[in-house]
Amino acid sequence: MVSIKTTIAAILIAFCALSANAQVQNNKAEYDSEFKIGVEIRPRFEYLHGYKTLAKSDQSAGMNINQRSRLNLFFKNRDFYTRISLQDVRVWGNRQQIVANEDEATSIHEAWLEALITKAFSLKVGRQEIIYDDHRIFGSVNWAQQARSHDAAIFKYTSSILKAELAFAYNQDAYKLIGTDNKVNPKNYKTFQNLWLNFKACNSFNVSFLFLNNGLQLKTGGDAYSQTIGPRLSYIDNGFTAHATFYYQGGYGNKQVGTPATAQKINASYIATDISYKFAQSFTAVLGFERLSGNSQLKNSLESNEFKPLYGTNHKFNGFMDYFYVGNAHGNVGLQDIYLILKTKLNPVSFGLATHLFSAAADVVDMKNPGSAMNSSFGTEFDFFLSFPIVKGMKFIGGYSQMLATETLEVVKKGSKDEINNSAYIMISLSPDIFIYKK
């Protein structure tokens, strides 16, 4: 097995060779090139009691320090861009202090190239982050130390008023001579095709449109395809910002129902709107509403009404305690979120408070009175956050969250609403460019 040191050395030599080659070509003609080496190191302490789900009675709190470490290499010239990001993610202490071989601790977060075919057209291929609009359907999931990246090819078109991206992905869990089943990673998408358009009508208004055809493998063989489609409108003018989003989700999921088992039909929707106003250079308020449809627990249906945000940055939306859509279920009853975010900056400190009023979007069955629905309210979450620079390229980020839960949330998440359900974090983020070459 090739060691990490050998891999990093080979990559650095290759990038330096590209940089030197660009300098040689520059002597022959006008030629712009840029080479960057950057690092990112961000250790984070976390205190967790009732994080992702309500704490049980007498449950002790979890405490740990986890860390992301990255080496980022980027090169561009008139013909192409390319980026490689090596990543190590670990919990402090999960390895012995003396370890003979840690090759598998490092992974490749990004490794892509983008060919600049014309001024308007390009093709980006390889392992890459895919981010559209507000991260709701496709996002980087940057809060998670490991983040998210895709193996994909994206055709891009860019003009002064229109951006268009057509993305393709196809997954296998290993190189195969026979068959196409993903037996090792069945939760991965098998394939997707995504079209994203953004039209800039004027300086203040633009509209995006997304169409995702998402293929998931069925246990019985074959693939099931769902479609997520809809627009997002954005308006920005003189400190006032407004957004409105609607997505419809149809087609079929990879859950199989009925006899004989067939892929489950999907009929779901998502609606969101928010407005924000910058009252002064140092104070901003955001008021918003979001609804993800869900399945009623009072109805037996072969059809699913649960909207899934798929590959989005879910931590960004419904509270920092990650009770909803961050790798954990809440009875598939959907979610309604009314939120108010207040942010201020008193140099050099930025801080704010987010308040979320959560409720179910579909009926939650009352176990004490079967046939009836419980109150839809899940409770209220408060998220306090702050940040400030320590030195250039380094900053402190911290926060505290508290969930005040209802009996309804207790039913769908288990645990106890009467426990103190809270979490806190302290993170140091260092992300400088340590070498820049331009020619």
Protein backbone atom coordinates (compact mmCIF):
# COMPACT_ATOMS: atom_id res chain seq x y z
CA MET A 1 0.00 0.00 0.00
CA VAL A 2 1.29 3.46 -0.92
CA SER A 3 1.85 5.62 2.16
CA ILE A 4 0.15 8.95 2.79
CA LYS A 5 3.49 10.75 2.70
CA THR A 6 4.29 9.30 -0.73
CA THR A 7 0.84 10.25 -2.05
CA ILE A 8 1.09 13.83 -0.80
CA ALA A 9 4.62 14.21 -2.15
CA ALA A 10 3.58 12.94 -5.59
CA ILE A 11 0.63 15.34 -5.71
CA LEU A 12 2.77 18.32 -4.71
CA ILE A 13 5.39 17.45 -7.34
CA ALA A 14 2.68 17.13 -10.00
CA PHE A 15 1.14 20.49 -9.15
CA CYS A 16 4.55 22.19 -9.07
CA ALA A 17 5.30 20.68 -12.47
CA LEU A 18 2.03 22.12 -13.81
CA SER A 19 2.96 25.50 -12.36
CA ALA A 20 6.44 25.39 -13.89
CA ASN A 21 4.98 24.32 -17.25
CA ALA A 22 2.62 27.29 -17.16
CA GLN A 23 5.59 29.61 -16.56
CA VAL A 24 7.49 28.16 -19.54
CA GLN A 25 4.45 28.59 -21.80
CA ASN A 26 4.05 32.14 -20.53
CA ASN A 27 7.38 33.05 -22.19
CA LYS A 28 5.86 32.19 -25.55
CA ALA A 29 2.51 33.97 -25.25
CA GLU A 30 0.22 35.78 -22.86
CA TYR A 31 -0.77 33.18 -20.32
CA ASP A 32 -2.48 33.46 -16.91
CA SER A 33 -1.97 30.78 -14.30
CA GLU A 34 -2.42 30.40 -10.57
CA PHE A 35 -1.33 27.73 -8.09
CA LYS A 36 -2.44 27.63 -4.44
CA ILE A 37 -1.66 25.42 -1.49
CA GLY A 38 -4.02 25.82 1.44
CA VAL A 39 -4.62 24.05 4.72
CA GLU A 40 -7.68 23.74 6.93
CA ILE A 41 -7.53 22.58 10.52
CA ARG A 42 -10.60 22.82 12.74
CA PRO A 43 -10.80 20.98 16.06
CA ARG A 44 -14.24 21.16 17.71
CA PHE A 45 -15.27 20.39 21.29
CA GLU A 46 -18.88 19.25 21.66
CA TYR A 47 -21.10 18.79 24.72
CA LEU A 48 -24.18 16.71 23.86
CA HIS A 49 -27.19 15.90 26.02
CA GLY A 50 -30.27 15.16 23.96
CA TYR A 51 -28.57 15.88 20.65
CA LYS A 52 -30.44 14.51 17.57
CA THR A 53 -32.97 12.87 19.88
CA LEU A 54 -34.36 13.52 23.36
CA ALA A 55 -32.24 12.34 26.26
CA LYS A 56 -33.45 9.44 28.36
CA SER A 57 -33.94 9.78 32.09
CA ASP A 58 -30.58 9.89 33.93
CA GLN A 59 -28.69 9.79 30.62
CA SER A 60 -25.17 11.15 30.94
CA ALA A 61 -23.90 13.77 28.51
CA GLY A 62 -21.52 12.97 25.69
CA MET A 63 -18.34 15.02 25.31
CA ASN A 64 -15.73 14.71 22.61
CA ILE A 65 -13.30 16.64 20.44
CA ASN A 66 -13.32 15.91 16.73
CA GLN A 67 -11.11 17.41 14.07
CA ARG A 68 -11.00 17.97 10.33
CA SER A 69 -7.57 18.42 8.72
CA ARG A 70 -7.28 19.23 5.03
CA LEU A 71 -4.56 19.89 2.49
CA ASN A 72 -6.03 21.77 -0.48
CA LEU A 73 -4.27 22.11 -3.83
CA PHE A 74 -5.66 24.28 -6.63
CA PHE A 75 -4.32 25.15 -10.08
CA LYS A 76 -5.83 27.09 -12.97
CA ASN A 77 -4.79 28.46 -16.33
CA ARG A 78 -6.56 29.58 -19.49
CA ASP A 79 -7.58 25.99 -20.36
CA PHE A 80 -8.60 24.27 -17.15
CA TYR A 81 -9.08 24.33 -13.37
CA THR A 82 -8.17 21.45 -11.08
CA ARG A 83 -8.41 20.87 -7.33
CA ILE A 84 -7.37 18.10 -4.94
CA SER A 85 -8.40 18.12 -1.30
CA LEU A 86 -6.94 15.50 1.05
CA GLN A 87 -8.88 15.09 4.27
CA ASP A 88 -8.37 13.44 7.65
CA VAL A 89 -11.34 13.31 10.06
CA ARG A 90 -10.97 11.84 13.53
CA VAL A 91 -12.07 12.01 17.14
CA TRP A 92 -9.23 12.87 19.47
CA GLY A 93 -8.06 9.64 21.05
CA ASN A 94 -9.66 7.16 18.62
CA ARG A 95 -6.17 6.06 17.53
CA GLN A 96 -3.34 4.84 19.70
CA GLN A 97 -0.54 7.32 20.31
CA ILE A 98 1.93 5.03 18.54
CA VAL A 99 0.44 3.73 15.28
CA ALA A 100 2.39 1.84 12.64
CA ASN A 101 0.10 2.66 9.68
CA GLU A 102 -2.69 5.22 9.35
CA ASP A 103 -3.10 5.25 5.57
CA GLU A 104 -6.84 4.61 5.74
CA ALA A 105 -7.38 7.60 8.03
CA THR A 106 -6.93 9.98 5.08
CA SER A 107 -9.42 10.22 2.22
CA ILE A 108 -9.85 12.33 -0.88
CA HIS A 109 -12.64 14.84 -0.36
CA GLU A 110 -12.24 16.43 -3.78
CA ALA A 111 -10.30 15.53 -6.92
CA TRP A 112 -11.70 17.17 -10.03
CA LEU A 113 -10.77 18.92 -13.24
CA GLU A 114 -12.77 21.49 -15.18
CA ALA A 115 -12.03 21.97 -18.86
CA LEU A 116 -12.79 25.50 -20.11
CA ILE A 117 -14.06 24.57 -23.58
CA THR A 118 -15.19 28.10 -24.50
CA LYS A 119 -15.84 31.31 -22.58
CA ALA A 120 -19.37 30.06 -21.91
CA PHE A 121 -19.04 26.25 -21.78
CA SER A 122 -17.04 24.03 -19.42
CA LEU A 123 -16.99 20.42 -18.26
CA LYS A 124 -16.21 19.52 -14.62
CA VAL A 125 -15.44 15.85 -13.88
CA GLY A 126 -14.39 13.99 -10.75
CA ARG A 127 -15.05 13.95 -7.01
CA GLN A 128 -16.55 17.32 -6.13
CA GLU A 129 -18.92 19.24 -3.91
CA ILE A 130 -22.24 20.09 -5.59
CA ILE A 131 -24.02 23.16 -4.22
CA TYR A 132 -27.15 24.81 -5.60
CA ASP A 133 -28.99 27.84 -4.27
CA ASP A 134 -29.49 27.64 -0.49
CA HIS A 135 -28.10 24.05 -0.11
CA ARG A 136 -31.58 22.53 0.40
CA ILE A 137 -31.38 19.76 -2.22
CA PHE A 138 -27.63 19.77 -3.01
CA GLY A 139 -25.19 21.11 -0.41
CA SER A 140 -21.67 20.70 0.94
CA VAL A 141 -22.76 19.64 4.48
CA ASN A 142 -19.77 21.64 5.69
CA TRP A 143 -20.72 21.51 9.39
CA ALA A 144 -20.09 17.77 9.41
CA GLN A 145 -16.33 17.34 9.63
CA GLN A 146 -16.35 14.84 6.77
CA ALA A 147 -18.66 17.02 4.60
CA ARG A 148 -20.22 15.67 1.37
CA SER A 149 -18.84 15.22 -2.12
CA HIS A 150 -20.03 13.39 -5.24
CA ASP A 151 -18.39 11.48 -8.07
CA ALA A 152 -20.00 13.27 -11.00
CA ALA A 153 -19.68 15.01 -14.35
CA ILE A 154 -21.21 18.47 -14.82
CA PHE A 155 -21.68 20.37 -18.09
CA LYS A 156 -21.81 24.12 -17.40
CA TYR A 157 -22.99 27.15 -19.33
CA THR A 158 -22.45 30.67 -17.99
CA SER A 159 -23.48 34.05 -19.41
CA SER A 160 -24.30 37.43 -17.90
CA ILE A 161 -27.95 36.49 -17.36
CA LEU A 162 -28.10 32.68 -17.43
CA LYS A 163 -26.31 29.86 -15.65
CA ALA A 164 -27.08 26.25 -16.54
CA GLU A 165 -25.61 23.04 -15.15
CA LEU A 166 -26.38 19.49 -16.26
CA ALA A 167 -24.98 16.91 -13.82
CA PHE A 168 -24.63 13.13 -14.18
CA ALA A 169 -23.57 10.49 -11.66
CA TYR A 170 -23.40 6.69 -11.73
CA ASN A 171 -22.23 4.62 -8.73
CA GLN A 172 -20.76 1.17 -8.24
CA ASP A 173 -19.40 -0.21 -4.98
CA ALA A 174 -16.54 -1.99 -6.80
CA TYR A 175 -15.13 -2.69 -10.25
CA LYS A 176 -17.33 -5.46 -11.70
CA LEU A 177 -17.25 -7.69 -14.74
CA ILE A 178 -20.75 -9.01 -14.10
CA GLY A 179 -23.82 -7.19 -12.79
CA THR A 180 -24.39 -3.70 -11.46
CA ASP A 181 -25.71 -4.28 -7.91
CA ASN A 182 -24.44 -2.04 -5.12
CA LYS A 183 -24.26 -4.66 -2.37
CA VAL A 184 -21.74 -2.85 -0.18
CA ASN A 185 -23.30 0.64 -0.25
CA PRO A 186 -27.02 0.12 -0.98
CA LYS A 187 -27.92 3.49 0.57
CA ASN A 188 -25.92 5.34 -2.05
CA TYR A 189 -27.82 6.63 -5.03
CA LYS A 190 -27.27 4.41 -8.02
CA THR A 191 -27.46 7.25 -10.48
CA PHE A 192 -28.83 10.75 -10.89
CA GLN A 193 -29.30 13.34 -13.60
CA ASN A 194 -29.80 16.93 -12.48
CA LEU A 195 -30.55 20.13 -14.37
CA TRP A 196 -30.11 23.47 -12.59
CA LEU A 197 -30.88 26.81 -14.20
CA ASN A 198 -30.49 30.32 -12.80
CA PHE A 199 -31.89 33.30 -14.69
CA LYS A 200 -30.88 36.80 -13.62
CA ALA A 201 -33.78 39.01 -14.66
CA CYS A 202 -32.18 42.14 -13.18
CA ASN A 203 -29.75 43.13 -10.45
CA SER A 204 -32.42 42.64 -7.78
CA PHE A 205 -34.28 39.56 -8.98
CA ASN A 206 -33.29 36.07 -10.11
CA VAL A 207 -35.04 32.73 -10.37
CA SER A 208 -33.56 29.23 -10.19
CA PHE A 209 -35.09 26.00 -11.44
CA LEU A 210 -34.04 22.48 -10.43
CA PHE A 211 -34.97 19.11 -11.91
CA LEU A 212 -33.45 16.00 -10.29
CA ASN A 213 -34.02 12.46 -11.52
CA ASN A 214 -32.73 10.33 -8.65
CA GLY A 215 -32.16 6.58 -9.04
CA LEU A 216 -32.02 4.23 -6.03
CA GLN A 217 -31.40 0.51 -6.16
CA LEU A 218 -34.16 -1.91 -5.15
CA LYS A 219 -33.45 -4.96 -3.00
CA THR A 220 -35.24 -7.13 -5.54
CA GLY A 221 -33.12 -5.78 -8.38
CA GLY A 222 -33.45 -2.86 -10.72
CA ASP A 223 -33.73 0.81 -9.84
CA ALA A 224 -36.49 3.15 -8.70
CA TYR A 225 -36.51 6.75 -9.91
CA SER A 226 -37.94 9.77 -8.13
CA GLN A 227 -38.19 13.29 -9.52
CA THR A 228 -37.70 16.53 -7.58
CA ILE A 229 -38.68 19.62 -9.52
CA GLY A 230 -39.36 23.26 -8.77
CA PRO A 231 -38.30 26.92 -8.73
CA ARG A 232 -36.62 29.22 -6.21
CA LEU A 233 -37.13 32.99 -6.44
CA SER A 234 -34.75 35.54 -4.91
CA TYR A 235 -35.12 39.30 -4.47
CA ILE A 236 -32.42 41.55 -3.00
CA ASP A 237 -32.62 45.34 -2.76
CA ASN A 238 -31.27 47.94 -0.31
CA GLY A 239 -30.85 45.64 2.67
CA PHE A 240 -34.11 43.76 2.02
CA THR A 241 -33.96 40.12 0.92
CA ALA A 242 -36.78 37.69 0.14
CA HIS A 243 -36.87 34.09 -1.07
CA ALA A 244 -39.65 31.71 -2.08
CA THR A 245 -39.15 28.05 -2.95
CA PHE A 246 -41.44 25.24 -4.06
CA TYR A 247 -40.46 21.66 -4.95
CA TYR A 248 -42.66 18.76 -5.96
CA GLN A 249 -41.35 15.21 -5.43
CA GLY A 250 -42.87 12.35 -7.39
CA GLY A 251 -41.96 9.04 -9.00
CA TYR A 252 -40.86 6.07 -6.90
CA GLY A 253 -38.61 5.41 -3.89
CA ASN A 254 -36.58 2.32 -3.06
CA LYS A 255 -38.92 1.23 -0.25
CA GLN A 256 -41.00 -1.70 -1.47
CA VAL A 257 -44.62 -2.20 -0.45
CA GLY A 258 -47.55 -4.48 -1.25
CA THR A 259 -47.71 -8.09 -2.43
CA PRO A 260 -45.90 -8.73 -4.65
CA ALA A 261 -43.47 -6.04 -3.49
CA THR A 262 -43.20 -3.01 -5.75
CA ALA A 263 -41.42 0.33 -5.44
CA GLN A 264 -43.37 2.83 -3.33
CA LYS A 265 -44.97 5.72 -5.17
CA ILE A 266 -44.07 9.22 -3.95
CA ASN A 267 -46.33 12.28 -3.83
CA ALA A 268 -44.65 14.96 -1.68
CA SER A 269 -44.02 18.68 -1.59
CA TYR A 270 -41.77 21.35 -0.09
CA ILE A 271 -42.52 25.03 0.38
CA ALA A 272 -40.37 27.69 2.01
CA THR A 273 -40.26 31.46 2.23
CA ASP A 274 -38.17 33.93 4.16
CA ILE A 275 -37.61 37.66 4.40
CA SER A 276 -34.69 39.48 5.95
CA TYR A 277 -33.84 43.10 6.53
CA LYS A 278 -30.55 44.72 7.42
CA PHE A 279 -31.60 47.45 9.84
CA ALA A 280 -28.07 48.77 10.15
CA GLN A 281 -24.57 47.73 9.21
CA SER A 282 -24.46 45.66 12.38
CA PHE A 283 -27.98 44.17 12.74
CA THR A 284 -30.04 41.79 10.55
CA ALA A 285 -33.34 39.99 11.22
CA VAL A 286 -34.64 36.98 9.29
CA LEU A 287 -38.22 35.63 9.49
CA GLY A 288 -39.05 32.43 7.66
CA PHE A 289 -41.34 29.44 7.23
CA GLU A 290 -40.61 25.98 5.85
CA ARG A 291 -42.87 22.97 5.31
CA LEU A 292 -41.78 19.48 4.28
CA SER A 293 -44.78 17.19 3.75
CA GLY A 294 -45.05 13.88 5.61
CA ASN A 295 -47.04 10.70 6.11
CA SER A 296 -50.11 10.68 8.37
CA GLN A 297 -49.91 8.02 11.07
CA LEU A 298 -53.72 7.78 11.03
CA LYS A 299 -53.92 6.58 7.44
CA ASN A 300 -52.73 3.36 5.83
CA SER A 301 -51.45 4.18 2.37
CA LEU A 302 -49.12 2.51 -0.08
CA GLU A 303 -48.17 6.00 -1.26
CA SER A 304 -45.51 8.08 0.52
CA ASN A 305 -46.13 11.78 1.14
CA GLU A 306 -42.79 12.29 2.87
CA PHE A 307 -40.57 14.91 1.22
CA LYS A 308 -36.86 14.07 1.42
CA PRO A 309 -34.27 16.85 1.06
CA LEU A 310 -31.86 14.24 -0.31
CA TYR A 311 -28.31 15.68 -0.57
CA GLY A 312 -28.79 19.03 1.13
CA THR A 313 -27.03 20.66 4.06
CA ASN A 314 -29.76 19.85 6.57
CA HIS A 315 -27.87 21.21 9.60
CA LYS A 316 -28.27 24.69 8.08
CA PHE A 317 -32.07 24.69 8.24
CA ASN A 318 -33.93 23.15 11.18
CA GLY A 319 -31.95 23.91 14.30
CA PHE A 320 -28.37 23.15 15.30
CA MET A 321 -29.40 20.21 17.48
CA ASP A 322 -30.15 18.23 14.30
CA TYR A 323 -33.44 16.66 15.34
CA PHE A 324 -34.77 16.57 11.79
CA TYR A 325 -33.36 15.15 8.54
CA VAL A 326 -29.77 14.83 9.75
CA GLY A 327 -29.43 11.06 9.49
CA ASN A 328 -32.28 10.37 11.92
CA ALA A 329 -36.03 9.86 11.65
CA HIS A 330 -38.97 11.52 13.36
CA GLY A 331 -41.82 9.22 12.38
CA ASN A 332 -41.86 10.30 8.70
CA VAL A 333 -44.53 12.87 9.59
CA GLY A 334 -42.80 15.78 7.87
CA LEU A 335 -42.00 19.12 9.44
CA GLN A 336 -43.18 22.70 9.73
CA ASP A 337 -40.66 25.25 10.97
CA ILE A 338 -41.40 28.90 11.77
CA TYR A 339 -38.17 30.66 12.63
CA LEU A 340 -36.73 34.03 13.59
CA ILE A 341 -33.00 34.71 13.37
CA LEU A 342 -31.41 37.83 14.85
CA LYS A 343 -27.78 38.57 13.94
CA THR A 344 -25.53 41.40 14.97
CA LYS A 345 -21.88 42.37 14.67
CA LEU A 346 -20.01 44.44 17.22
CA ASN A 347 -16.49 44.40 15.80
CA PRO A 348 -14.77 42.09 16.04
CA VAL A 349 -17.49 39.81 17.48
CA SER A 350 -20.45 38.48 15.49
CA PHE A 351 -23.27 36.76 17.37
CA GLY A 352 -26.93 35.90 17.06
CA LEU A 353 -29.95 33.92 18.21
CA ALA A 354 -32.17 31.62 16.15
CA THR A 355 -35.60 30.56 17.44
CA HIS A 356 -37.45 27.66 15.79
CA LEU A 357 -41.10 26.70 16.38
CA PHE A 358 -41.37 23.10 15.18
CA SER A 359 -44.50 21.09 14.41
CA ALA A 360 -45.50 18.00 12.45
CA ALA A 361 -46.76 18.44 8.90
CA ALA A 362 -48.96 15.31 9.16
CA ASP A 363 -50.95 13.53 11.89
CA VAL A 364 -49.12 11.92 14.81
CA VAL A 365 -51.22 9.18 16.34
CA ASP A 366 -52.20 9.56 19.99
CA MET A 367 -51.21 6.24 21.58
CA LYS A 368 -53.47 6.95 24.55
CA ASN A 369 -56.44 7.50 22.26
CA PRO A 370 -55.91 5.51 19.02
CA GLY A 371 -57.73 6.99 16.08
CA SER A 372 -57.01 10.55 17.21
CA ALA A 373 -54.12 12.86 16.45
CA MET A 374 -51.88 14.54 18.99
CA ASN A 375 -51.18 18.24 19.08
CA SER A 376 -48.88 18.89 16.12
CA SER A 377 -46.36 20.99 18.07
CA PHE A 378 -42.90 19.45 18.50
CA GLY A 379 -41.54 22.25 20.63
CA THR A 380 -39.15 25.19 20.46
CA GLU A 381 -35.42 25.28 19.93
CA PHE A 382 -33.10 28.18 20.74
CA ASP A 383 -29.67 28.40 19.09
CA PHE A 384 -27.16 30.98 20.24
CA PHE A 385 -24.02 31.40 18.13
CA LEU A 386 -20.97 33.67 18.02
CA SER A 387 -17.64 34.04 16.24
CA PHE A 388 -14.64 36.33 16.23
CA PRO A 389 -11.19 36.38 14.62
CA ILE A 390 -8.19 35.29 16.69
CA VAL A 391 -5.49 36.14 14.15
CA LYS A 392 -5.58 36.49 10.37
CA GLY A 393 -6.87 33.22 8.87
CA MET A 394 -8.01 31.85 12.25
CA LYS A 395 -11.30 32.35 14.06
CA PHE A 396 -13.22 31.17 17.11
CA ILE A 397 -16.73 29.75 16.58
CA GLY A 398 -19.02 28.74 19.42
CA GLY A 399 -22.64 28.12 20.27
CA TYR A 400 -25.25 26.81 22.69
CA SER A 401 -28.61 25.18 21.85
CA GLN A 402 -31.64 24.27 23.97
CA MET A 403 -34.66 22.18 22.94
CA LEU A 404 -37.94 22.66 24.83
CA ALA A 405 -39.85 19.61 23.69
CA THR A 406 -43.49 18.55 23.77
CA GLU A 407 -45.09 15.17 24.34
CA THR A 408 -45.57 14.85 20.57
CA LEU A 409 -41.83 15.08 19.96
CA GLU A 410 -41.30 12.57 22.73
CA VAL A 411 -43.60 10.13 20.89
CA VAL A 412 -41.81 10.38 17.52
CA LYS A 413 -38.24 10.67 18.86
CA LYS A 414 -38.40 8.66 22.11
CA GLY A 415 -36.49 9.85 25.18
CA SER A 416 -37.87 12.33 27.71
CA LYS A 417 -39.15 15.86 27.13
CA ASP A 418 -38.61 16.58 30.82
CA GLU A 419 -34.84 16.12 30.60
CA ILE A 420 -32.60 19.13 29.90
CA ASN A 421 -31.96 18.63 26.21
CA ASN A 422 -29.09 20.85 25.17
CA SER A 423 -25.78 20.98 23.36
CA ALA A 424 -22.79 23.29 23.07
CA TYR A 425 -19.71 23.55 20.90
CA ILE A 426 -16.41 25.44 20.69
CA MET A 427 -14.42 25.34 17.46
CA ILE A 428 -11.16 26.88 16.25
CA SER A 429 -11.05 27.19 12.46
CA LEU A 430 -7.77 27.78 10.63
CA SER A 431 -7.93 28.01 6.82
CA PRO A 432 -5.11 30.05 5.26
CA ASP A 433 -3.48 29.82 1.84
CA ILE A 434 0.12 29.01 2.72
CA PHE A 435 1.49 29.33 -0.82
CA ILE A 436 0.23 31.28 -3.84
CA TYR A 437 1.93 31.42 -7.23
CA LYS A 438 0.60 33.64 -10.03
CA LYS A 439 2.01 34.19 -13.50
